[in-house]
Amino acid sequence: QVFEAGRHAAALGPRFRLRAMPPSQRRVLVIGGSFAGLCVARDLKDHYLVTIVDAKEFFEYTPGVLRAYVKPKHLDALTFTLYPVIEGRMGCKFIWGEVKELNGADRTATIKPVF
């Protein structure tokens, strides 16, 4: 059995496949909780333990922010707090902080939490 890294891994070829291990032993760190980070986490969460790290505690649809200057009530439609969405609805772990170092050889990350 082979778990694929994302929905489209089969199209990328066998070098992108990982040997099957129980999800409790395989972890994925996603850096950034914006569009791409949330999509990657959604695609991988059924096969891996996913942790998302973001320097902000909220998602912001940046292209719409200028409209919020004219209509301040519109800001609520452009932002949401990441923690309840990632940990509650998605079932992943969220760390509000910064990734300071990645060590590929050891497969570790140094993360500085905001608090």
N, C-alpha and C. Protein backbone atom coordinates (compact mmCIF):
# COMPACT_ATOMS: atom_id res chain seq x y z
N GLN A 1 0.85 -1.18 0.00
CA GLN A 1 0.00 0.00 0.00
C GLN A 1 0.89 1.23 0.00
N VAL A 2 0.48 2.25 -0.73
CA VAL A 2 1.24 3.49 -0.83
C VAL A 2 0.31 4.67 -0.58
N PHE A 3 0.72 5.57 0.32
CA PHE A 3 0.00 6.82 0.50
C PHE A 3 0.58 7.82 -0.47
N GLU A 4 -0.26 8.57 -1.12
CA GLU A 4 0.22 9.56 -2.06
C GLU A 4 0.27 10.93 -1.40
N ALA A 5 1.25 11.71 -1.76
CA ALA A 5 1.41 13.05 -1.21
C ALA A 5 0.52 14.02 -1.97
N GLY A 6 -0.73 14.06 -1.61
CA GLY A 6 -1.68 14.95 -2.27
C GLY A 6 -2.49 14.21 -3.32
N ARG A 7 -3.52 14.85 -3.79
CA ARG A 7 -4.43 14.24 -4.76
C ARG A 7 -3.76 13.92 -6.08
N HIS A 8 -2.82 14.73 -6.49
CA HIS A 8 -2.27 14.61 -7.83
C HIS A 8 -0.90 13.94 -7.86
N ALA A 9 -0.51 13.28 -6.79
CA ALA A 9 0.81 12.67 -6.73
C ALA A 9 0.98 11.57 -7.75
N ALA A 10 -0.06 10.83 -8.05
CA ALA A 10 0.04 9.74 -9.03
C ALA A 10 0.47 10.28 -10.39
N ALA A 11 0.02 11.45 -10.74
CA ALA A 11 0.39 12.04 -12.02
C ALA A 11 1.85 12.50 -12.04
N LEU A 12 2.43 12.72 -10.86
CA LEU A 12 3.80 13.19 -10.77
C LEU A 12 4.81 12.05 -10.85
N GLY A 13 4.36 10.83 -10.65
CA GLY A 13 5.26 9.68 -10.75
C GLY A 13 5.58 9.08 -9.40
N PRO A 14 6.24 7.91 -9.40
CA PRO A 14 6.49 7.17 -8.17
C PRO A 14 7.47 7.84 -7.22
N ARG A 15 8.32 8.75 -7.69
CA ARG A 15 9.28 9.36 -6.77
C ARG A 15 8.60 10.23 -5.72
N PHE A 16 7.35 10.60 -5.92
CA PHE A 16 6.62 11.42 -4.96
C PHE A 16 5.78 10.59 -4.01
N ARG A 17 5.91 9.28 -4.06
CA ARG A 17 5.13 8.42 -3.18
C ARG A 17 5.95 8.05 -1.95
N LEU A 18 5.27 7.84 -0.87
CA LEU A 18 5.91 7.47 0.39
C LEU A 18 5.45 6.08 0.79
N ARG A 19 6.33 5.31 1.37
CA ARG A 19 5.95 3.99 1.85
C ARG A 19 4.89 4.14 2.94
N ALA A 20 3.98 3.20 2.98
CA ALA A 20 2.87 3.27 3.92
C ALA A 20 3.35 3.09 5.36
N MET A 21 2.92 3.98 6.21
CA MET A 21 3.13 3.89 7.65
C MET A 21 1.85 4.39 8.29
N PRO A 22 1.55 3.93 9.47
CA PRO A 22 0.34 4.43 10.14
C PRO A 22 0.41 5.95 10.29
N PRO A 23 -0.72 6.64 10.16
CA PRO A 23 -0.73 8.10 10.29
C PRO A 23 -0.13 8.59 11.60
N SER A 24 -0.21 7.78 12.64
CA SER A 24 0.33 8.21 13.93
C SER A 24 1.85 8.32 13.88
N GLN A 25 2.47 7.74 12.86
CA GLN A 25 3.93 7.80 12.75
C GLN A 25 4.41 8.76 11.67
N ARG A 26 3.51 9.22 10.82
CA ARG A 26 3.88 10.13 9.74
C ARG A 26 3.31 11.51 10.00
N ARG A 27 4.19 12.51 9.99
CA ARG A 27 3.74 13.87 10.25
C ARG A 27 4.17 14.79 9.12
N VAL A 28 3.35 15.80 8.86
CA VAL A 28 3.64 16.79 7.83
C VAL A 28 3.53 18.17 8.46
N LEU A 29 4.53 19.01 8.20
CA LEU A 29 4.49 20.39 8.66
C LEU A 29 4.20 21.27 7.46
N VAL A 30 3.14 22.06 7.56
CA VAL A 30 2.77 23.00 6.51
C VAL A 30 3.09 24.40 7.03
N ILE A 31 3.91 25.12 6.29
CA ILE A 31 4.29 26.48 6.70
C ILE A 31 3.41 27.46 5.94
N GLY A 32 2.54 28.13 6.67
CA GLY A 32 1.63 29.10 6.07
C GLY A 32 0.20 28.61 6.04
N GLY A 33 -0.70 29.41 6.58
CA GLY A 33 -2.11 29.04 6.65
C GLY A 33 -2.98 29.85 5.73
N SER A 34 -2.47 30.17 4.55
CA SER A 34 -3.28 30.88 3.57
C SER A 34 -3.86 29.86 2.60
N PHE A 35 -4.18 30.28 1.38
CA PHE A 35 -4.85 29.40 0.43
C PHE A 35 -4.11 28.09 0.21
N ALA A 36 -2.84 28.16 -0.18
CA ALA A 36 -2.08 26.94 -0.50
C ALA A 36 -1.91 26.06 0.73
N GLY A 37 -1.56 26.66 1.86
CA GLY A 37 -1.35 25.87 3.08
C GLY A 37 -2.60 25.14 3.53
N LEU A 38 -3.73 25.82 3.48
CA LEU A 38 -4.99 25.18 3.88
C LEU A 38 -5.39 24.08 2.90
N CYS A 39 -5.15 24.29 1.61
CA CYS A 39 -5.48 23.25 0.61
C CYS A 39 -4.59 22.02 0.78
N VAL A 40 -3.30 22.23 1.00
CA VAL A 40 -2.38 21.11 1.22
C VAL A 40 -2.78 20.34 2.47
N ALA A 41 -3.07 21.05 3.55
CA ALA A 41 -3.48 20.39 4.79
C ALA A 41 -4.76 19.59 4.58
N ARG A 42 -5.71 20.16 3.87
CA ARG A 42 -6.96 19.45 3.59
C ARG A 42 -6.70 18.16 2.82
N ASP A 43 -5.82 18.22 1.83
CA ASP A 43 -5.54 17.04 1.01
C ASP A 43 -4.77 15.96 1.76
N LEU A 44 -3.93 16.34 2.72
CA LEU A 44 -3.07 15.38 3.40
C LEU A 44 -3.62 14.87 4.73
N LYS A 45 -4.61 15.54 5.29
CA LYS A 45 -5.05 15.24 6.66
C LYS A 45 -5.61 13.83 6.84
N ASP A 46 -6.09 13.21 5.79
CA ASP A 46 -6.64 11.86 5.93
C ASP A 46 -5.56 10.79 6.01
N HIS A 47 -4.33 11.13 5.64
CA HIS A 47 -3.25 10.15 5.62
C HIS A 47 -2.10 10.47 6.57
N TYR A 48 -2.03 11.70 7.06
CA TYR A 48 -0.92 12.13 7.89
C TYR A 48 -1.43 13.00 9.04
N LEU A 49 -0.59 13.14 10.05
CA LEU A 49 -0.86 14.10 11.12
C LEU A 49 -0.29 15.43 10.64
N VAL A 50 -1.16 16.38 10.37
CA VAL A 50 -0.75 17.65 9.76
C VAL A 50 -0.73 18.75 10.81
N THR A 51 0.37 19.51 10.82
CA THR A 51 0.50 20.69 11.65
C THR A 51 0.73 21.89 10.73
N ILE A 52 -0.04 22.94 10.95
CA ILE A 52 0.12 24.18 10.18
C ILE A 52 0.72 25.24 11.11
N VAL A 53 1.78 25.90 10.64
CA VAL A 53 2.40 27.00 11.38
C VAL A 53 2.19 28.27 10.57
N ASP A 54 1.71 29.31 11.24
CA ASP A 54 1.54 30.61 10.58
C ASP A 54 1.90 31.71 11.55
N ALA A 55 2.52 32.77 11.04
CA ALA A 55 2.91 33.90 11.88
C ALA A 55 1.72 34.76 12.28
N LYS A 56 0.60 34.57 11.60
CA LYS A 56 -0.63 35.30 11.96
C LYS A 56 -1.62 34.31 12.54
N GLU A 57 -2.48 34.79 13.41
CA GLU A 57 -3.50 33.92 13.98
C GLU A 57 -4.79 33.93 13.16
N PHE A 58 -4.78 34.67 12.06
CA PHE A 58 -6.00 34.81 11.27
C PHE A 58 -5.70 34.66 9.79
N PHE A 59 -6.71 34.26 9.04
CA PHE A 59 -6.66 34.22 7.58
C PHE A 59 -7.20 35.55 7.09
N GLU A 60 -6.60 36.06 6.03
CA GLU A 60 -7.05 37.33 5.47
C GLU A 60 -7.08 37.23 3.95
N TYR A 61 -8.22 37.53 3.37
CA TYR A 61 -8.32 37.60 1.92
C TYR A 61 -7.84 38.98 1.51
N THR A 62 -6.54 39.08 1.26
CA THR A 62 -5.88 40.37 1.04
C THR A 62 -6.45 41.19 -0.12
N PRO A 63 -6.79 40.59 -1.27
CA PRO A 63 -7.31 41.42 -2.36
C PRO A 63 -8.57 42.21 -2.00
N GLY A 64 -9.32 41.76 -1.01
CA GLY A 64 -10.55 42.44 -0.65
C GLY A 64 -10.40 43.47 0.45
N VAL A 65 -9.18 43.63 0.98
CA VAL A 65 -8.98 44.53 2.11
C VAL A 65 -9.28 45.98 1.76
N LEU A 66 -8.97 46.40 0.55
CA LEU A 66 -9.24 47.79 0.18
C LEU A 66 -10.72 48.13 0.27
N ARG A 67 -11.56 47.15 -0.03
CA ARG A 67 -13.01 47.39 0.09
C ARG A 67 -13.41 47.64 1.54
N ALA A 68 -12.70 47.02 2.47
CA ALA A 68 -13.01 47.19 3.89
C ALA A 68 -12.74 48.62 4.36
N TYR A 69 -11.86 49.33 3.69
CA TYR A 69 -11.63 50.74 4.04
C TYR A 69 -12.88 51.58 3.77
N VAL A 70 -13.58 51.23 2.70
CA VAL A 70 -14.79 51.96 2.33
C VAL A 70 -15.99 51.44 3.12
N LYS A 71 -16.05 50.11 3.29
CA LYS A 71 -17.14 49.47 4.03
C LYS A 71 -16.53 48.62 5.15
N PRO A 72 -16.29 49.21 6.33
CA PRO A 72 -15.64 48.48 7.42
C PRO A 72 -16.36 47.19 7.83
N LYS A 73 -17.67 47.13 7.67
CA LYS A 73 -18.40 45.91 8.03
C LYS A 73 -18.00 44.74 7.13
N HIS A 74 -17.45 45.03 5.97
CA HIS A 74 -17.04 44.00 5.02
C HIS A 74 -15.83 43.20 5.52
N LEU A 75 -15.09 43.73 6.50
CA LEU A 75 -13.90 43.05 7.01
C LEU A 75 -14.21 41.67 7.56
N ASP A 76 -15.36 41.50 8.19
CA ASP A 76 -15.74 40.19 8.74
C ASP A 76 -15.83 39.12 7.66
N ALA A 77 -16.17 39.51 6.45
CA ALA A 77 -16.27 38.55 5.35
C ALA A 77 -14.90 38.22 4.76
N LEU A 78 -13.88 38.98 5.12
CA LEU A 78 -12.55 38.80 4.55
C LEU A 78 -11.57 38.09 5.47
N THR A 79 -11.91 37.95 6.74
CA THR A 79 -10.97 37.36 7.70
C THR A 79 -11.67 36.34 8.59
N PHE A 80 -10.88 35.42 9.11
CA PHE A 80 -11.36 34.52 10.16
C PHE A 80 -10.16 34.03 10.96
N THR A 81 -10.42 33.65 12.20
CA THR A 81 -9.38 33.13 13.07
C THR A 81 -9.05 31.70 12.64
N LEU A 82 -7.76 31.40 12.50
CA LEU A 82 -7.33 30.11 11.98
C LEU A 82 -7.56 28.95 12.94
N TYR A 83 -7.31 29.16 14.23
CA TYR A 83 -7.35 28.05 15.19
C TYR A 83 -8.64 27.22 15.14
N PRO A 84 -9.83 27.83 15.25
CA PRO A 84 -11.03 27.00 15.25
C PRO A 84 -11.28 26.27 13.93
N VAL A 85 -10.84 26.84 12.84
CA VAL A 85 -11.03 26.19 11.54
C VAL A 85 -10.05 25.02 11.39
N ILE A 86 -8.78 25.26 11.68
CA ILE A 86 -7.77 24.22 11.49
C ILE A 86 -7.93 23.10 12.51
N GLU A 87 -8.08 23.44 13.78
CA GLU A 87 -8.17 22.39 14.81
C GLU A 87 -9.57 21.81 14.93
N GLY A 88 -10.59 22.62 14.72
CA GLY A 88 -11.96 22.14 14.86
C GLY A 88 -12.50 21.46 13.62
N ARG A 89 -12.63 22.21 12.57
CA ARG A 89 -13.25 21.68 11.34
C ARG A 89 -12.33 20.75 10.56
N MET A 90 -11.04 21.09 10.47
CA MET A 90 -10.13 20.29 9.65
C MET A 90 -9.53 19.11 10.41
N GLY A 91 -9.41 19.22 11.72
CA GLY A 91 -8.81 18.14 12.50
C GLY A 91 -7.29 18.11 12.43
N CYS A 92 -6.67 19.24 12.14
CA CYS A 92 -5.21 19.36 12.11
C CYS A 92 -4.77 20.14 13.34
N LYS A 93 -3.46 20.26 13.52
CA LYS A 93 -2.92 21.04 14.63
C LYS A 93 -2.47 22.40 14.09
N PHE A 94 -2.69 23.46 14.88
CA PHE A 94 -2.27 24.80 14.48
C PHE A 94 -1.31 25.37 15.51
N ILE A 95 -0.19 25.93 15.03
CA ILE A 95 0.76 26.63 15.88
C ILE A 95 0.87 28.06 15.35
N TRP A 96 0.56 29.00 16.22
CA TRP A 96 0.71 30.41 15.88
C TRP A 96 2.14 30.79 16.22
N GLY A 97 2.97 30.93 15.21
CA GLY A 97 4.37 31.22 15.44
C GLY A 97 5.16 31.28 14.15
N GLU A 98 6.49 31.27 14.31
CA GLU A 98 7.40 31.38 13.17
C GLU A 98 8.30 30.17 13.10
N VAL A 99 8.53 29.67 11.90
CA VAL A 99 9.51 28.61 11.70
C VAL A 99 10.86 29.29 11.57
N LYS A 100 11.75 29.02 12.50
CA LYS A 100 13.07 29.66 12.52
C LYS A 100 14.11 28.86 11.77
N GLU A 101 13.94 27.52 11.76
CA GLU A 101 14.94 26.68 11.10
C GLU A 101 14.31 25.37 10.66
N LEU A 102 14.70 24.90 9.49
CA LEU A 102 14.32 23.58 9.00
C LEU A 102 15.59 22.77 8.82
N ASN A 103 15.59 21.54 9.32
CA ASN A 103 16.73 20.65 9.16
C ASN A 103 16.25 19.42 8.39
N GLY A 104 16.54 19.39 7.10
CA GLY A 104 16.08 18.30 6.25
C GLY A 104 16.69 16.96 6.62
N ALA A 105 17.97 16.96 7.01
CA ALA A 105 18.64 15.71 7.36
C ALA A 105 18.00 15.06 8.58
N ASP A 106 17.67 15.86 9.57
CA ASP A 106 17.05 15.34 10.80
C ASP A 106 15.54 15.33 10.74
N ARG A 107 14.99 15.97 9.70
CA ARG A 107 13.53 16.11 9.56
C ARG A 107 12.92 16.79 10.79
N THR A 108 13.53 17.91 11.16
CA THR A 108 13.04 18.68 12.31
C THR A 108 12.86 20.14 11.91
N ALA A 109 12.06 20.83 12.70
CA ALA A 109 11.84 22.26 12.52
C ALA A 109 11.93 22.93 13.87
N THR A 110 12.53 24.11 13.90
CA THR A 110 12.57 24.92 15.10
C THR A 110 11.50 25.99 14.95
N ILE A 111 10.55 26.00 15.86
CA ILE A 111 9.41 26.91 15.78
C ILE A 111 9.40 27.80 17.02
N LYS A 112 9.25 29.10 16.78
CA LYS A 112 9.12 30.06 17.88
C LYS A 112 7.65 30.44 17.99
N PRO A 113 6.95 29.92 19.01
CA PRO A 113 5.54 30.28 19.19
C PRO A 113 5.39 31.76 19.54
N VAL A 114 4.26 32.35 19.17
CA VAL A 114 4.01 33.75 19.47
C VAL A 114 3.89 33.96 20.97
N PHE A 115 3.26 33.03 21.66
CA PHE A 115 3.17 33.14 23.13
C PHE A 115 3.35 31.81 23.76
